[in-house]
Amino acid sequence: MNSYEEVSSIYKVSGQACYMVIGHFLDDSLNEFIQEISKYGRYSLEVVVADKTSRNKII
């Protein structure tokens, strides 16, 4: 994870997931990241897409 500049935070969490990764990916770099981490175990993915230039808040 440390080798990806797009990853800004990693948290160990309780519950069904083990870790929460916060990153900011462009284009196909998210697909490449997912392919790479899938080598190390199963994953569940939830993606939030937001336009950071917008002043609208996501609720």
PDB file of N, CA and C in Angstrom:
ATOM      1  N   MET A   1       0.818  -1.193   0.000  1.00  0.00           N
ATOM      2  CA  MET A   1       0.000   0.000   0.000  1.00  0.00           C
ATOM      3  C   MET A   1       0.866   1.264   0.000  1.00  0.00           C
ATOM      4  N   ASN A   2       1.983   1.201   0.678  1.00  0.00           N
ATOM      5  CA  ASN A   2       2.831   2.393   0.765  1.00  0.00           C
ATOM      6  C   ASN A   2       3.416   2.816  -0.577  1.00  0.00           C
ATOM      7  N   SER A   3       3.450   1.910  -1.540  1.00  0.00           N
ATOM      8  CA  SER A   3       4.039   2.252  -2.832  1.00  0.00           C
ATOM      9  C   SER A   3       3.058   2.986  -3.753  1.00  0.00           C
ATOM     10  N   TYR A   4       1.810   3.115  -3.331  1.00  0.00           N
ATOM     11  CA  TYR A   4       0.796   3.797  -4.147  1.00  0.00           C
ATOM     12  C   TYR A   4       0.592   5.221  -3.641  1.00  0.00           C
ATOM     13  N   GLU A   5       0.972   6.181  -4.457  1.00  0.00           N
ATOM     14  CA  GLU A   5       0.792   7.586  -4.085  1.00  0.00           C
ATOM     15  C   GLU A   5      -0.684   7.950  -3.959  1.00  0.00           C
ATOM     16  N   GLU A   6      -1.557   7.194  -4.655  1.00  0.00           N
ATOM     17  CA  GLU A   6      -2.994   7.481  -4.631  1.00  0.00           C
ATOM     18  C   GLU A   6      -3.637   7.158  -3.286  1.00  0.00           C
ATOM     19  N   VAL A   7      -3.003   6.300  -2.503  1.00  0.00           N
ATOM     20  CA  VAL A   7      -3.551   5.899  -1.203  1.00  0.00           C
ATOM     21  C   VAL A   7      -3.175   6.964  -0.175  1.00  0.00           C
ATOM     22  N   SER A   8      -4.203   7.565   0.425  1.00  0.00           N
ATOM     23  CA  SER A   8      -3.954   8.633   1.393  1.00  0.00           C
ATOM     24  C   SER A   8      -4.068   8.157   2.841  1.00  0.00           C
ATOM     25  N   SER A   9      -4.877   7.116   3.088  1.00  0.00           N
ATOM     26  CA  SER A   9      -5.066   6.625   4.462  1.00  0.00           C
ATOM     27  C   SER A   9      -5.405   5.146   4.451  1.00  0.00           C
ATOM     28  N   ILE A  10      -4.987   4.447   5.501  1.00  0.00           N
ATOM     29  CA  ILE A  10      -5.333   3.047   5.701  1.00  0.00           C
ATOM     30  C   ILE A  10      -5.729   2.887   7.159  1.00  0.00           C
ATOM     31  N   TYR A  11      -6.877   2.260   7.398  1.00  0.00           N
ATOM     32  CA  TYR A  11      -7.370   2.062   8.754  1.00  0.00           C
ATOM     33  C   TYR A  11      -7.670   0.595   8.982  1.00  0.00           C
ATOM     34  N   LYS A  12      -7.320   0.070  10.141  1.00  0.00           N
ATOM     35  CA  LYS A  12      -7.750  -1.264  10.547  1.00  0.00           C
ATOM     36  C   LYS A  12      -9.102  -1.075  11.215  1.00  0.00           C
ATOM     37  N   VAL A  13     -10.085  -1.853  10.781  1.00  0.00           N
ATOM     38  CA  VAL A  13     -11.447  -1.673  11.278  1.00  0.00           C
ATOM     39  C   VAL A  13     -11.992  -2.993  11.794  1.00  0.00           C
ATOM     40  N   SER A  14     -13.033  -2.911  12.605  1.00  0.00           N
ATOM     41  CA  SER A  14     -13.698  -4.119  13.088  1.00  0.00           C
ATOM     42  C   SER A  14     -14.883  -4.427  12.184  1.00  0.00           C
ATOM     43  N   GLY A  15     -15.440  -5.602  12.356  1.00  0.00           N
ATOM     44  CA  GLY A  15     -16.578  -5.992  11.540  1.00  0.00           C
ATOM     45  C   GLY A  15     -16.149  -6.874  10.391  1.00  0.00           C
ATOM     46  N   GLN A  16     -16.930  -6.894   9.336  1.00  0.00           N
ATOM     47  CA  GLN A  16     -16.680  -7.786   8.209  1.00  0.00           C
ATOM     48  C   GLN A  16     -15.369  -7.459   7.490  1.00  0.00           C
ATOM     49  N   ALA A  17     -15.044  -6.210   7.372  1.00  0.00           N
ATOM     50  CA  ALA A  17     -13.806  -5.813   6.686  1.00  0.00           C
ATOM     51  C   ALA A  17     -12.652  -5.778   7.679  1.00  0.00           C
ATOM     52  N   CYS A  18     -11.449  -5.938   7.180  1.00  0.00           N
ATOM     53  CA  CYS A  18     -10.263  -5.849   8.031  1.00  0.00           C
ATOM     54  C   CYS A  18      -9.630  -4.467   7.950  1.00  0.00           C
ATOM     55  N   TYR A  19      -9.650  -3.889   6.758  1.00  0.00           N
ATOM     56  CA  TYR A  19      -9.009  -2.599   6.538  1.00  0.00           C
ATOM     57  C   TYR A  19      -9.898  -1.717   5.682  1.00  0.00           C
ATOM     58  N   MET A  20      -9.765  -0.425   5.887  1.00  0.00           N
ATOM     59  CA  MET A  20     -10.412   0.542   5.016  1.00  0.00           C
ATOM     60  C   MET A  20      -9.291   1.360   4.390  1.00  0.00           C
ATOM     61  N   VAL A  21      -9.275   1.404   3.071  1.00  0.00           N
ATOM     62  CA  VAL A  21      -8.252   2.131   2.331  1.00  0.00           C
ATOM     63  C   VAL A  21      -8.923   3.324   1.669  1.00  0.00           C
ATOM     64  N   ILE A  22      -8.368   4.492   1.904  1.00  0.00           N
ATOM     65  CA  ILE A  22      -8.882   5.700   1.262  1.00  0.00           C
ATOM     66  C   ILE A  22      -7.842   6.151   0.250  1.00  0.00           C
ATOM     67  N   GLY A  23      -8.291   6.260  -0.984  1.00  0.00           N
ATOM     68  CA  GLY A  23      -7.386   6.660  -2.043  1.00  0.00           C
ATOM     69  C   GLY A  23      -8.094   7.529  -3.056  1.00  0.00           C
ATOM     70  N   HIS A  24      -7.305   8.148  -3.872  1.00  0.00           N
ATOM     71  CA  HIS A  24      -7.813   9.041  -4.909  1.00  0.00           C
ATOM     72  C   HIS A  24      -7.191   8.593  -6.224  1.00  0.00           C
ATOM     73  N   PHE A  25      -7.959   7.808  -6.985  1.00  0.00           N
ATOM     74  CA  PHE A  25      -7.456   7.184  -8.201  1.00  0.00           C
ATOM     75  C   PHE A  25      -8.063   7.837  -9.430  1.00  0.00           C
ATOM     76  N   LEU A  26      -7.285   7.884 -10.482  1.00  0.00           N
ATOM     77  CA  LEU A  26      -7.739   8.392 -11.763  1.00  0.00           C
ATOM     78  C   LEU A  26      -7.736   7.258 -12.785  1.00  0.00           C
ATOM     79  N   ASP A  27      -8.641   7.341 -13.740  1.00  0.00           N
ATOM     80  CA  ASP A  27      -8.697   6.436 -14.888  1.00  0.00           C
ATOM     81  C   ASP A  27      -8.596   4.973 -14.477  1.00  0.00           C
ATOM     82  N   ASP A  28      -7.697   4.243 -15.117  1.00  0.00           N
ATOM     83  CA  ASP A  28      -7.578   2.803 -14.892  1.00  0.00           C
ATOM     84  C   ASP A  28      -6.684   2.460 -13.709  1.00  0.00           C
ATOM     85  N   SER A  29      -6.134   3.443 -13.035  1.00  0.00           N
ATOM     86  CA  SER A  29      -5.237   3.135 -11.921  1.00  0.00           C
ATOM     87  C   SER A  29      -5.971   2.418 -10.786  1.00  0.00           C
ATOM     88  N   LEU A  30      -7.275   2.627 -10.637  1.00  0.00           N
ATOM     89  CA  LEU A  30      -8.042   1.901  -9.621  1.00  0.00           C
ATOM     90  C   LEU A  30      -8.099   0.415  -9.973  1.00  0.00           C
ATOM     91  N   ASN A  31      -8.340   0.097 -11.234  1.00  0.00           N
ATOM     92  CA  ASN A  31      -8.368  -1.306 -11.657  1.00  0.00           C
ATOM     93  C   ASN A  31      -7.018  -1.976 -11.427  1.00  0.00           C
ATOM     94  N   GLU A  32      -5.939  -1.290 -11.734  1.00  0.00           N
ATOM     95  CA  GLU A  32      -4.597  -1.833 -11.511  1.00  0.00           C
ATOM     96  C   GLU A  32      -4.356  -2.082 -10.025  1.00  0.00           C
ATOM     97  N   PHE A  33      -4.778  -1.151  -9.196  1.00  0.00           N
ATOM     98  CA  PHE A  33      -4.631  -1.284  -7.744  1.00  0.00           C
ATOM     99  C   PHE A  33      -5.403  -2.501  -7.232  1.00  0.00           C
ATOM    100  N   ILE A  34      -6.636  -2.664  -7.687  1.00  0.00           N
ATOM    101  CA  ILE A  34      -7.467  -3.793  -7.254  1.00  0.00           C
ATOM    102  C   ILE A  34      -6.845  -5.117  -7.691  1.00  0.00           C
ATOM    103  N   GLN A  35      -6.344  -5.181  -8.909  1.00  0.00           N
ATOM    104  CA  GLN A  35      -5.686  -6.400  -9.375  1.00  0.00           C
ATOM    105  C   GLN A  35      -4.473  -6.727  -8.519  1.00  0.00           C
ATOM    106  N   GLU A  36      -3.725  -5.729  -8.142  1.00  0.00           N
ATOM    107  CA  GLU A  36      -2.528  -5.957  -7.325  1.00  0.00           C
ATOM    108  C   GLU A  36      -2.885  -6.449  -5.929  1.00  0.00           C
ATOM    109  N   ILE A  37      -3.846  -5.817  -5.255  1.00  0.00           N
ATOM    110  CA  ILE A  37      -4.165  -6.238  -3.884  1.00  0.00           C
ATOM    111  C   ILE A  37      -4.913  -7.565  -3.854  1.00  0.00           C
ATOM    112  N   SER A  38      -5.553  -7.948  -4.954  1.00  0.00           N
ATOM    113  CA  SER A  38      -6.281  -9.215  -4.968  1.00  0.00           C
ATOM    114  C   SER A  38      -5.338 -10.412  -4.893  1.00  0.00           C
ATOM    115  N   LYS A  39      -4.058 -10.216  -5.137  1.00  0.00           N
ATOM    116  CA  LYS A  39      -3.067 -11.281  -5.007  1.00  0.00           C
ATOM    117  C   LYS A  39      -2.894 -11.718  -3.555  1.00  0.00           C
ATOM    118  N   TYR A  40      -3.251 -10.855  -2.621  1.00  0.00           N
ATOM    119  CA  TYR A  40      -2.965 -11.084  -1.214  1.00  0.00           C
ATOM    120  C   TYR A  40      -4.167 -11.545  -0.409  1.00  0.00           C
ATOM    121  N   GLY A  41      -5.306 -11.731  -1.028  1.00  0.00           N
ATOM    122  CA  GLY A  41      -6.485 -12.206  -0.313  1.00  0.00           C
ATOM    123  C   GLY A  41      -7.760 -11.746  -0.968  1.00  0.00           C
ATOM    124  N   ARG A  42      -8.865 -12.120  -0.343  1.00  0.00           N
ATOM    125  CA  ARG A  42     -10.175 -11.699  -0.848  1.00  0.00           C
ATOM    126  C   ARG A  42     -10.417 -10.252  -0.460  1.00  0.00           C
ATOM    127  N   TYR A  43     -11.253  -9.602  -1.226  1.00  0.00           N
ATOM    128  CA  TYR A  43     -11.566  -8.215  -0.900  1.00  0.00           C
ATOM    129  C   TYR A  43     -13.020  -7.931  -1.198  1.00  0.00           C
ATOM    130  N   SER A  44     -13.515  -6.923  -0.525  1.00  0.00           N
ATOM    131  CA  SER A  44     -14.839  -6.383  -0.785  1.00  0.00           C
ATOM    132  C   SER A  44     -14.613  -4.926  -1.123  1.00  0.00           C
ATOM    133  N   LEU A  45     -15.277  -4.455  -2.142  1.00  0.00           N
ATOM    134  CA  LEU A  45     -15.008  -3.111  -2.616  1.00  0.00           C
ATOM    135  C   LEU A  45     -16.271  -2.277  -2.609  1.00  0.00           C
ATOM    136  N   GLU A  46     -16.164  -1.142  -1.983  1.00  0.00           N
ATOM    137  CA  GLU A  46     -17.207  -0.127  -2.065  1.00  0.00           C
ATOM    138  C   GLU A  46     -16.517   1.131  -2.541  1.00  0.00           C
ATOM    139  N   VAL A  47     -17.038   1.715  -3.594  1.00  0.00           N
ATOM    140  CA  VAL A  47     -16.405   2.872  -4.195  1.00  0.00           C
ATOM    141  C   VAL A  47     -17.314   4.075  -4.024  1.00  0.00           C
ATOM    142  N   VAL A  48     -16.735   5.161  -3.584  1.00  0.00           N
ATOM    143  CA  VAL A  48     -17.444   6.431  -3.521  1.00  0.00           C
ATOM    144  C   VAL A  48     -16.776   7.343  -4.534  1.00  0.00           C
ATOM    145  N   VAL A  49     -17.565   7.848  -5.441  1.00  0.00           N
ATOM    146  CA  VAL A  49     -17.035   8.726  -6.474  1.00  0.00           C
ATOM    147  C   VAL A  49     -17.549  10.125  -6.188  1.00  0.00           C
ATOM    148  N   ALA A  50     -16.635  11.057  -6.093  1.00  0.00           N
ATOM    149  CA  ALA A  50     -17.023  12.436  -5.799  1.00  0.00           C
ATOM    150  C   ALA A  50     -16.166  13.387  -6.608  1.00  0.00           C
ATOM    151  N   ASP A  51     -16.770  14.470  -7.014  1.00  0.00           N
ATOM    152  CA  ASP A  51     -16.045  15.529  -7.698  1.00  0.00           C
ATOM    153  C   ASP A  51     -15.547  16.483  -6.633  1.00  0.00           C
ATOM    154  N   LYS A  52     -14.264  16.445  -6.347  1.00  0.00           N
ATOM    155  CA  LYS A  52     -13.719  17.281  -5.282  1.00  0.00           C
ATOM    156  C   LYS A  52     -13.742  18.764  -5.628  1.00  0.00           C
ATOM    157  N   THR A  53     -13.979  19.089  -6.904  1.00  0.00           N
ATOM    158  CA  THR A  53     -14.050  20.500  -7.278  1.00  0.00           C
ATOM    159  C   THR A  53     -15.433  21.070  -7.032  1.00  0.00           C
ATOM    160  N   SER A  54     -16.400  20.183  -6.795  1.00  0.00           N
ATOM    161  CA  SER A  54     -17.775  20.618  -6.571  1.00  0.00           C
ATOM    162  C   SER A  54     -17.948  21.057  -5.124  1.00  0.00           C
ATOM    163  N   ARG A  55     -18.827  21.972  -4.910  1.00  0.00           N
ATOM    164  CA  ARG A  55     -19.126  22.427  -3.551  1.00  0.00           C
ATOM    165  C   ARG A  55     -20.275  21.643  -2.938  1.00  0.00           C
ATOM    166  N   ASN A  56     -20.860  20.702  -3.701  1.00  0.00           N
ATOM    167  CA  ASN A  56     -21.943  19.889  -3.196  1.00  0.00           C
ATOM    168  C   ASN A  56     -21.408  18.845  -2.238  1.00  0.00           C
ATOM    169  N   LYS A  57     -22.127  18.609  -1.158  1.00  0.00           N
ATOM    170  CA  LYS A  57     -21.712  17.630  -0.179  1.00  0.00           C
ATOM    171  C   LYS A  57     -22.408  16.306  -0.472  1.00  0.00           C
ATOM    172  N   ILE A  58     -21.701  15.217  -0.232  1.00  0.00           N
ATOM    173  CA  ILE A  58     -22.270  13.890  -0.343  1.00  0.00           C
ATOM    174  C   ILE A  58     -22.755  13.486   1.039  1.00  0.00           C
ATOM    175  N   ILE A  59     -23.991  13.050   1.109  1.00  0.00           N
ATOM    176  CA  ILE A  59     -24.566  12.654   2.404  1.00  0.00           C
ATOM    177  C   ILE A  59     -24.703  11.147   2.432  1.00  0.00           C
TER     178      ILE A  59
END
